[in-house]
Amino acid sequence: MSAEQSKRTYLISGASRGIGRSISERLLAEGCRVIGLARRFDSLFTAHPHFEPVAIDLSQLDALPQRLSALSRQLTALDGVICSAGYGRFGSLEQFSAMQIRALVDLNLTSQILLSREFLPHLKRQKQGDLIFIGSEAALSGGRNGAAYCASKFGLRGFAQSLREECAASGVRVGIINPGMVATEFFDDLDFRPGKSPDQHLTPGDVADAVSLMLNTRQGTVIDEINLSPQKRVIEFGKPNIGPRTEG
């Protein structure tokens, strides 16, 4: 990373756990300032002098526009936004309640749209910046028991592609990363997970590598989309034996 890049400030949603946390730690290690959005944070993470935690529940859509507007007024310098918040719920469509469908789409798609809407004008005014979405392999092909989840991720991918075209003339770079199964807390409440072998799952660091690649690409070039997957596709079924969780 260049000295210029190390002085930059990035806003990251879902920053306290999993992929979002790994991205935050990578950028902090590279000398960047990180504004992290999440519901809660642990003290070890927030102790970093260049990390600023912002406690916010992105699923509360009624209050979200006002919260984001207040935050944008406080941030006088912002070089990019990385949208990493999201969660998964799987099953036959008829097993979902209307509220469960709404909650899934609200967090995985609508909150990302609102977050982008708030901070994109700032990036356009300064005629440069990065907007990166963490999508999913579920945005590439529909799968059994994933109708609602795939719909939210297909929507996010289409949103990113549209913004890519919309922002080209403004100097703002827009991209999306679609990882396959990443070994994180994402699977703690699910009855399946990737295989344990290193070639059977991705790590959060793999996704952070892809984010770093996008951010460090020469100005004037854009990596529109990166699809990541483990070398072998192995899925294990059954409820995991989960010890005490560390909340992010």
C-alpha atoms as a PDB file:
ATOM      1  CA  MET A   1       0.000   0.000   0.000  1.00  0.00           C
ATOM      2  CA  SER A   2       1.202   3.467  -0.862  1.00  0.00           C
ATOM      3  CA  ALA A   3       1.707   6.241   1.665  1.00  0.00           C
ATOM      4  CA  GLU A   4      -1.248   8.036   0.101  1.00  0.00           C
ATOM      5  CA  GLN A   5      -3.515   5.024   0.594  1.00  0.00           C
ATOM      6  CA  SER A   6      -2.440   4.630   4.232  1.00  0.00           C
ATOM      7  CA  LYS A   7      -3.911   8.041   5.058  1.00  0.00           C
ATOM      8  CA  ARG A   8      -7.377   7.164   3.826  1.00  0.00           C
ATOM      9  CA  THR A   9     -10.599   6.716   5.802  1.00  0.00           C
ATOM     10  CA  TYR A  10     -13.076   3.928   5.110  1.00  0.00           C
ATOM     11  CA  LEU A  11     -16.577   3.283   6.435  1.00  0.00           C
ATOM     12  CA  ILE A  12     -17.269  -0.436   6.908  1.00  0.00           C
ATOM     13  CA  SER A  13     -20.623  -1.955   7.807  1.00  0.00           C
ATOM     14  CA  GLY A  14     -20.744  -5.245   9.696  1.00  0.00           C
ATOM     15  CA  ALA A  15     -17.314  -4.373  11.042  1.00  0.00           C
ATOM     16  CA  SER A  16     -17.389  -6.247  14.323  1.00  0.00           C
ATOM     17  CA  ARG A  17     -17.439  -9.862  13.160  1.00  0.00           C
ATOM     18  CA  GLY A  18     -16.527 -12.218  10.358  1.00  0.00           C
ATOM     19  CA  ILE A  19     -15.670 -10.753   6.976  1.00  0.00           C
ATOM     20  CA  GLY A  20     -16.291  -7.143   8.011  1.00  0.00           C
ATOM     21  CA  ARG A  21     -13.965  -7.474  10.947  1.00  0.00           C
ATOM     22  CA  SER A  22     -11.227  -9.033   8.845  1.00  0.00           C
ATOM     23  CA  ILE A  23     -11.489  -6.202   6.315  1.00  0.00           C
ATOM     24  CA  SER A  24     -11.331  -3.658   9.137  1.00  0.00           C
ATOM     25  CA  GLU A  25      -8.261  -5.290  10.650  1.00  0.00           C
ATOM     26  CA  ARG A  26      -6.540  -5.452   7.256  1.00  0.00           C
ATOM     27  CA  LEU A  27      -7.087  -1.753   6.537  1.00  0.00           C
ATOM     28  CA  LEU A  28      -6.039  -0.755  10.053  1.00  0.00           C
ATOM     29  CA  ALA A  29      -2.838  -2.770   9.632  1.00  0.00           C
ATOM     30  CA  GLU A  30      -2.191  -0.864   6.417  1.00  0.00           C
ATOM     31  CA  GLY A  31      -2.449   2.453   8.243  1.00  0.00           C
ATOM     32  CA  CYS A  32      -5.982   3.457   7.287  1.00  0.00           C
ATOM     33  CA  ARG A  33      -8.602   4.968   9.560  1.00  0.00           C
ATOM     34  CA  VAL A  34     -11.737   2.832   9.856  1.00  0.00           C
ATOM     35  CA  ILE A  35     -15.231   3.917  10.870  1.00  0.00           C
ATOM     36  CA  GLY A  36     -16.946   0.666  11.819  1.00  0.00           C
ATOM     37  CA  LEU A  37     -20.708   0.131  11.900  1.00  0.00           C
ATOM     38  CA  ALA A  38     -22.194  -2.722  13.932  1.00  0.00           C
ATOM     39  CA  ARG A  39     -24.645  -3.391  16.725  1.00  0.00           C
ATOM     40  CA  ARG A  40     -21.893  -4.081  19.270  1.00  0.00           C
ATOM     41  CA  PHE A  41     -18.105  -4.265  19.523  1.00  0.00           C
ATOM     42  CA  ASP A  42     -15.585  -5.926  21.819  1.00  0.00           C
ATOM     43  CA  SER A  43     -13.127  -3.753  23.722  1.00  0.00           C
ATOM     44  CA  LEU A  44     -10.044  -5.402  22.226  1.00  0.00           C
ATOM     45  CA  PHE A  45     -11.068  -4.336  18.738  1.00  0.00           C
ATOM     46  CA  THR A  46     -12.143  -0.814  19.644  1.00  0.00           C
ATOM     47  CA  ALA A  47      -8.879  -0.096  21.449  1.00  0.00           C
ATOM     48  CA  HIS A  48      -7.109   0.522  18.150  1.00  0.00           C
ATOM     49  CA  PRO A  49      -6.328   4.249  17.891  1.00  0.00           C
ATOM     50  CA  HIS A  50      -7.453   4.466  14.253  1.00  0.00           C
ATOM     51  CA  PHE A  51     -10.727   2.586  14.711  1.00  0.00           C
ATOM     52  CA  GLU A  52     -13.927   4.473  15.478  1.00  0.00           C
ATOM     53  CA  PRO A  53     -16.903   2.264  16.414  1.00  0.00           C
ATOM     54  CA  VAL A  54     -20.422   3.425  15.638  1.00  0.00           C
ATOM     55  CA  ALA A  55     -23.141   1.356  17.301  1.00  0.00           C
ATOM     56  CA  ILE A  56     -26.016   1.108  14.846  1.00  0.00           C
ATOM     57  CA  ASP A  57     -28.566  -1.552  13.929  1.00  0.00           C
ATOM     58  CA  LEU A  58     -28.849  -1.539  10.147  1.00  0.00           C
ATOM     59  CA  SER A  59     -31.958  -3.706  10.292  1.00  0.00           C
ATOM     60  CA  GLN A  60     -33.968  -0.887  11.901  1.00  0.00           C
ATOM     61  CA  LEU A  61     -34.917   0.731   8.612  1.00  0.00           C
ATOM     62  CA  ASP A  62     -37.374   3.280   9.978  1.00  0.00           C
ATOM     63  CA  ALA A  63     -34.645   4.968  12.027  1.00  0.00           C
ATOM     64  CA  LEU A  64     -31.763   4.256   9.667  1.00  0.00           C
ATOM     65  CA  PRO A  65     -31.970   7.249   7.282  1.00  0.00           C
ATOM     66  CA  GLN A  66     -31.867   9.718  10.170  1.00  0.00           C
ATOM     67  CA  ARG A  67     -28.986   7.899  11.858  1.00  0.00           C
ATOM     68  CA  LEU A  68     -26.969   7.756   8.646  1.00  0.00           C
ATOM     69  CA  SER A  69     -27.653  11.401   7.873  1.00  0.00           C
ATOM     70  CA  ALA A  70     -26.345  12.433  11.290  1.00  0.00           C
ATOM     71  CA  LEU A  71     -23.258  10.270  10.787  1.00  0.00           C
ATOM     72  CA  SER A  72     -22.520  11.696   7.342  1.00  0.00           C
ATOM     73  CA  ARG A  73     -22.533  15.221   8.767  1.00  0.00           C
ATOM     74  CA  GLN A  74     -19.835  14.179  11.244  1.00  0.00           C
ATOM     75  CA  LEU A  75     -17.542  12.617   8.634  1.00  0.00           C
ATOM     76  CA  THR A  76     -15.688  15.386   6.850  1.00  0.00           C
ATOM     77  CA  ALA A  77     -13.298  13.036   5.024  1.00  0.00           C
ATOM     78  CA  LEU A  78     -14.263   9.681   3.577  1.00  0.00           C
ATOM     79  CA  ASP A  79     -12.465   7.742   0.865  1.00  0.00           C
ATOM     80  CA  GLY A  80     -14.691   4.729   0.542  1.00  0.00           C
ATOM     81  CA  VAL A  81     -17.578   2.654   1.838  1.00  0.00           C
ATOM     82  CA  ILE A  82     -17.458  -1.133   2.197  1.00  0.00           C
ATOM     83  CA  CYS A  83     -20.839  -2.785   2.742  1.00  0.00           C
ATOM     84  CA  SER A  84     -20.292  -6.077   4.534  1.00  0.00           C
ATOM     85  CA  ALA A  85     -23.313  -6.469   6.832  1.00  0.00           C
ATOM     86  CA  GLY A  86     -25.677  -9.362   6.202  1.00  0.00           C
ATOM     87  CA  TYR A  87     -26.940 -12.711   7.423  1.00  0.00           C
ATOM     88  CA  GLY A  88     -28.375 -15.934   6.085  1.00  0.00           C
ATOM     89  CA  ARG A  89     -31.609 -17.837   6.596  1.00  0.00           C
ATOM     90  CA  PHE A  90     -32.356 -20.915   4.531  1.00  0.00           C
ATOM     91  CA  GLY A  91     -35.285 -23.227   3.922  1.00  0.00           C
ATOM     92  CA  SER A  92     -38.235 -23.734   1.621  1.00  0.00           C
ATOM     93  CA  LEU A  93     -39.968 -20.456   0.878  1.00  0.00           C
ATOM     94  CA  GLU A  94     -43.194 -21.520   2.572  1.00  0.00           C
ATOM     95  CA  GLN A  95     -41.273 -22.083   5.815  1.00  0.00           C
ATOM     96  CA  PHE A  96     -40.559 -18.350   6.068  1.00  0.00           C
ATOM     97  CA  SER A  97     -42.931 -15.940   7.727  1.00  0.00           C
ATOM     98  CA  ALA A  98     -43.567 -12.608   6.059  1.00  0.00           C
ATOM     99  CA  MET A  99     -41.559 -10.906   8.804  1.00  0.00           C
ATOM    100  CA  GLN A 100     -38.607 -13.253   8.311  1.00  0.00           C
ATOM    101  CA  ILE A 101     -38.546 -12.514   4.577  1.00  0.00           C
ATOM    102  CA  ARG A 102     -38.697  -8.793   5.227  1.00  0.00           C
ATOM    103  CA  ALA A 103     -35.923  -8.940   7.848  1.00  0.00           C
ATOM    104  CA  LEU A 104     -33.634 -10.814   5.450  1.00  0.00           C
ATOM    105  CA  VAL A 105     -34.192  -8.404   2.565  1.00  0.00           C
ATOM    106  CA  ASP A 106     -34.070  -5.358   4.855  1.00  0.00           C
ATOM    107  CA  LEU A 107     -30.564  -6.132   6.094  1.00  0.00           C
ATOM    108  CA  ASN A 108     -29.013  -7.815   3.066  1.00  0.00           C
ATOM    109  CA  LEU A 109     -30.310  -5.389   0.460  1.00  0.00           C
ATOM    110  CA  THR A 110     -32.330  -2.378   1.586  1.00  0.00           C
ATOM    111  CA  SER A 111     -29.918  -1.242   4.285  1.00  0.00           C
ATOM    112  CA  GLN A 112     -27.064  -1.387   1.744  1.00  0.00           C
ATOM    113  CA  ILE A 113     -29.080   0.782  -0.644  1.00  0.00           C
ATOM    114  CA  LEU A 114     -29.756   3.335   2.096  1.00  0.00           C
ATOM    115  CA  LEU A 115     -26.124   3.345   3.197  1.00  0.00           C
ATOM    116  CA  SER A 116     -24.968   3.938  -0.371  1.00  0.00           C
ATOM    117  CA  ARG A 117     -27.558   6.653  -0.949  1.00  0.00           C
ATOM    118  CA  GLU A 118     -26.315   8.597   2.062  1.00  0.00           C
ATOM    119  CA  PHE A 119     -22.580   8.532   1.347  1.00  0.00           C
ATOM    120  CA  LEU A 120     -22.414   8.306  -2.442  1.00  0.00           C
ATOM    121  CA  PRO A 121     -23.038  12.053  -2.974  1.00  0.00           C
ATOM    122  CA  HIS A 122     -19.966  12.819  -0.846  1.00  0.00           C
ATOM    123  CA  LEU A 123     -17.796  10.495  -2.933  1.00  0.00           C
ATOM    124  CA  LYS A 124     -19.152  11.999  -6.157  1.00  0.00           C
ATOM    125  CA  ARG A 125     -18.452  15.561  -5.006  1.00  0.00           C
ATOM    126  CA  GLN A 126     -14.804  14.763  -4.358  1.00  0.00           C
ATOM    127  CA  LYS A 127     -14.674  12.961  -7.734  1.00  0.00           C
ATOM    128  CA  GLN A 128     -13.044   9.840  -6.386  1.00  0.00           C
ATOM    129  CA  GLY A 129     -13.633   7.076  -3.885  1.00  0.00           C
ATOM    130  CA  ASP A 130     -14.573   3.410  -3.645  1.00  0.00           C
ATOM    131  CA  LEU A 131     -17.882   1.692  -2.987  1.00  0.00           C
ATOM    132  CA  ILE A 132     -17.485  -2.051  -2.465  1.00  0.00           C
ATOM    133  CA  PHE A 133     -20.209  -4.569  -1.686  1.00  0.00           C
ATOM    134  CA  ILE A 134     -19.693  -8.004  -0.153  1.00  0.00           C
ATOM    135  CA  GLY A 135     -22.106 -10.174  -2.079  1.00  0.00           C
ATOM    136  CA  SER A 136     -22.229 -13.956  -2.263  1.00  0.00           C
ATOM    137  CA  GLU A 137     -21.964 -16.869  -4.648  1.00  0.00           C
ATOM    138  CA  ALA A 138     -25.732 -16.996  -4.067  1.00  0.00           C
ATOM    139  CA  ALA A 139     -25.919 -13.930  -6.341  1.00  0.00           C
ATOM    140  CA  LEU A 140     -24.575 -15.990  -9.255  1.00  0.00           C
ATOM    141  CA  SER A 141     -26.920 -18.972  -9.263  1.00  0.00           C
ATOM    142  CA  GLY A 142     -30.109 -19.830  -7.408  1.00  0.00           C
ATOM    143  CA  GLY A 143     -29.988 -22.781  -5.070  1.00  0.00           C
ATOM    144  CA  ARG A 144     -32.349 -25.111  -3.254  1.00  0.00           C
ATOM    145  CA  ASN A 145     -33.591 -23.738   0.084  1.00  0.00           C
ATOM    146  CA  GLY A 146     -32.062 -20.364  -0.736  1.00  0.00           C
ATOM    147  CA  ALA A 147     -34.850 -18.528  -2.578  1.00  0.00           C
ATOM    148  CA  ALA A 148     -35.142 -15.570  -0.186  1.00  0.00           C
ATOM    149  CA  TYR A 149     -31.411 -15.315   0.482  1.00  0.00           C
ATOM    150  CA  CYS A 150     -30.517 -15.598  -3.212  1.00  0.00           C
ATOM    151  CA  ALA A 151     -33.108 -12.947  -4.059  1.00  0.00           C
ATOM    152  CA  SER A 152     -31.482 -10.502  -1.632  1.00  0.00           C
ATOM    153  CA  LYS A 153     -27.998 -11.194  -3.010  1.00  0.00           C
ATOM    154  CA  PHE A 154     -29.095 -11.123  -6.661  1.00  0.00           C
ATOM    155  CA  GLY A 155     -30.649  -7.749  -5.871  1.00  0.00           C
ATOM    156  CA  LEU A 156     -27.448  -6.485  -4.288  1.00  0.00           C
ATOM    157  CA  ARG A 157     -25.414  -7.579  -7.305  1.00  0.00           C
ATOM    158  CA  GLY A 158     -27.793  -5.824  -9.689  1.00  0.00           C
ATOM    159  CA  PHE A 159     -27.649  -2.718  -7.527  1.00  0.00           C
ATOM    160  CA  ALA A 160     -23.837  -2.736  -7.646  1.00  0.00           C
ATOM    161  CA  GLN A 161     -23.802  -3.210 -11.411  1.00  0.00           C
ATOM    162  CA  SER A 162     -26.208  -0.303 -11.892  1.00  0.00           C
ATOM    163  CA  LEU A 163     -24.169   1.982  -9.640  1.00  0.00           C
ATOM    164  CA  ARG A 164     -21.032   0.987 -11.548  1.00  0.00           C
ATOM    165  CA  GLU A 165     -22.566   2.496 -14.681  1.00  0.00           C
ATOM    166  CA  GLU A 166     -24.041   5.472 -12.844  1.00  0.00           C
ATOM    167  CA  CYS A 167     -20.789   6.444 -11.125  1.00  0.00           C
ATOM    168  CA  ALA A 168     -18.267   5.947 -13.945  1.00  0.00           C
ATOM    169  CA  ALA A 169     -18.236   9.593 -15.014  1.00  0.00           C
ATOM    170  CA  SER A 170     -17.899  10.838 -11.435  1.00  0.00           C
ATOM    171  CA  GLY A 171     -14.635   9.036 -10.652  1.00  0.00           C
ATOM    172  CA  VAL A 172     -16.233   6.776  -8.020  1.00  0.00           C
ATOM    173  CA  ARG A 173     -15.307   3.107  -8.420  1.00  0.00           C
ATOM    174  CA  VAL A 174     -17.977   0.511  -7.632  1.00  0.00           C
ATOM    175  CA  GLY A 175     -17.347  -3.203  -7.278  1.00  0.00           C
ATOM    176  CA  ILE A 176     -18.740  -6.342  -5.682  1.00  0.00           C
ATOM    177  CA  ILE A 177     -17.053  -9.433  -4.256  1.00  0.00           C
ATOM    178  CA  ASN A 178     -18.997 -12.708  -4.331  1.00  0.00           C
ATOM    179  CA  PRO A 179     -17.404 -15.231  -1.960  1.00  0.00           C
ATOM    180  CA  GLY A 180     -18.358 -18.842  -1.667  1.00  0.00           C
ATOM    181  CA  MET A 181     -18.588 -20.460   1.766  1.00  0.00           C
ATOM    182  CA  VAL A 182     -16.431 -18.574   4.266  1.00  0.00           C
ATOM    183  CA  ALA A 183     -15.616 -20.163   7.635  1.00  0.00           C
ATOM    184  CA  THR A 184     -17.174 -17.573   9.978  1.00  0.00           C
ATOM    185  CA  GLU A 185     -19.922 -17.265  12.612  1.00  0.00           C
ATOM    186  CA  PHE A 186     -22.348 -17.010   9.677  1.00  0.00           C
ATOM    187  CA  PHE A 187     -22.945 -20.754   9.985  1.00  0.00           C
ATOM    188  CA  ASP A 188     -23.342 -20.905  13.772  1.00  0.00           C
ATOM    189  CA  ASP A 189     -27.146 -21.013  13.627  1.00  0.00           C
ATOM    190  CA  LEU A 190     -27.398 -23.024  10.416  1.00  0.00           C
ATOM    191  CA  ASP A 191     -27.495 -26.784   9.918  1.00  0.00           C
ATOM    192  CA  PHE A 192     -24.738 -26.826   7.299  1.00  0.00           C
ATOM    193  CA  ARG A 193     -21.253 -25.416   6.920  1.00  0.00           C
ATOM    194  CA  PRO A 194     -18.218 -25.728   4.644  1.00  0.00           C
ATOM    195  CA  GLY A 195     -15.721 -28.531   5.042  1.00  0.00           C
ATOM    196  CA  LYS A 196     -12.894 -28.164   7.540  1.00  0.00           C
ATOM    197  CA  SER A 197      -9.992 -28.742   5.160  1.00  0.00           C
ATOM    198  CA  PRO A 198      -8.222 -25.553   4.010  1.00  0.00           C
ATOM    199  CA  ASP A 199      -9.187 -26.254   0.392  1.00  0.00           C
ATOM    200  CA  GLN A 200     -12.863 -26.698   1.331  1.00  0.00           C
ATOM    201  CA  HIS A 201     -13.630 -23.208   2.637  1.00  0.00           C
ATOM    202  CA  LEU A 202     -12.601 -19.597   2.318  1.00  0.00           C
ATOM    203  CA  THR A 203     -11.333 -17.504   5.205  1.00  0.00           C
ATOM    204  CA  PRO A 204     -12.334 -13.927   6.021  1.00  0.00           C
ATOM    205  CA  GLY A 205      -8.760 -12.972   5.153  1.00  0.00           C
ATOM    206  CA  ASP A 206      -9.302 -14.214   1.592  1.00  0.00           C
ATOM    207  CA  VAL A 207     -12.123 -11.710   1.181  1.00  0.00           C
ATOM    208  CA  ALA A 208     -10.051  -8.971   2.809  1.00  0.00           C
ATOM    209  CA  ASP A 209      -7.326  -9.705   0.243  1.00  0.00           C
ATOM    210  CA  ALA A 210      -9.846  -9.123  -2.550  1.00  0.00           C
ATOM    211  CA  VAL A 211     -10.994  -5.844  -0.987  1.00  0.00           C
ATOM    212  CA  SER A 212      -7.383  -4.679  -0.696  1.00  0.00           C
ATOM    213  CA  LEU A 213      -6.802  -5.562  -4.353  1.00  0.00           C
ATOM    214  CA  MET A 214      -9.794  -3.460  -5.410  1.00  0.00           C
ATOM    215  CA  LEU A 215      -8.737  -0.494  -3.292  1.00  0.00           C
ATOM    216  CA  ASN A 216      -5.124  -0.564  -4.443  1.00  0.00           C
ATOM    217  CA  THR A 217      -5.831  -0.806  -8.146  1.00  0.00           C
ATOM    218  CA  ARG A 218      -4.517   2.161 -10.098  1.00  0.00           C
ATOM    219  CA  GLN A 219      -6.894   5.104 -10.230  1.00  0.00           C
ATOM    220  CA  GLY A 220      -8.748   5.046 -13.515  1.00  0.00           C
ATOM    221  CA  THR A 221      -9.196   1.276 -13.460  1.00  0.00           C
ATOM    222  CA  VAL A 222     -12.009  -0.652 -11.805  1.00  0.00           C
ATOM    223  CA  ILE A 223     -12.324  -4.270 -10.766  1.00  0.00           C
ATOM    224  CA  ASP A 224     -16.051  -4.628 -11.323  1.00  0.00           C
ATOM    225  CA  GLU A 225     -16.534  -8.033  -9.736  1.00  0.00           C
ATOM    226  CA  ILE A 226     -14.533 -10.758  -8.022  1.00  0.00           C
ATOM    227  CA  ASN A 227     -15.918 -14.279  -7.542  1.00  0.00           C
ATOM    228  CA  LEU A 228     -14.098 -16.304  -4.883  1.00  0.00           C
ATOM    229  CA  SER A 229     -14.568 -19.982  -4.073  1.00  0.00           C
ATOM    230  CA  PRO A 230     -12.708 -22.746  -2.264  1.00  0.00           C
ATOM    231  CA  GLN A 231     -10.873 -25.183  -4.499  1.00  0.00           C
ATOM    232  CA  LYS A 232     -13.192 -28.007  -3.414  1.00  0.00           C
ATOM    233  CA  ARG A 233     -16.899 -27.588  -2.721  1.00  0.00           C
ATOM    234  CA  VAL A 234     -17.662 -29.632   0.401  1.00  0.00           C
ATOM    235  CA  ILE A 235     -20.719 -29.068   2.600  1.00  0.00           C
ATOM    236  CA  GLU A 236     -21.137 -30.685   6.011  1.00  0.00           C
ATOM    237  CA  PHE A 237     -24.630 -31.071   7.443  1.00  0.00           C
ATOM    238  CA  GLY A 238     -25.937 -31.179  11.002  1.00  0.00           C
ATOM    239  CA  LYS A 239     -25.948 -28.730  13.873  1.00  0.00           C
ATOM    240  CA  PRO A 240     -22.428 -27.786  15.008  1.00  0.00           C
ATOM    241  CA  ASN A 241     -21.224 -28.062  18.581  1.00  0.00           C
ATOM    242  CA  ILE A 242     -20.981 -24.398  19.457  1.00  0.00           C
ATOM    243  CA  GLY A 243     -19.139 -23.120  22.506  1.00  0.00           C
ATOM    244  CA  PRO A 244     -19.644 -19.670  24.007  1.00  0.00           C
ATOM    245  CA  ARG A 245     -19.737 -16.994  21.333  1.00  0.00           C
ATOM    246  CA  THR A 246     -17.687 -13.854  21.322  1.00  0.00           C
ATOM    247  CA  GLU A 247     -20.018 -11.096  20.194  1.00  0.00           C
ATOM    248  CA  GLY A 248     -18.610  -8.494  17.818  1.00  0.00           C
END
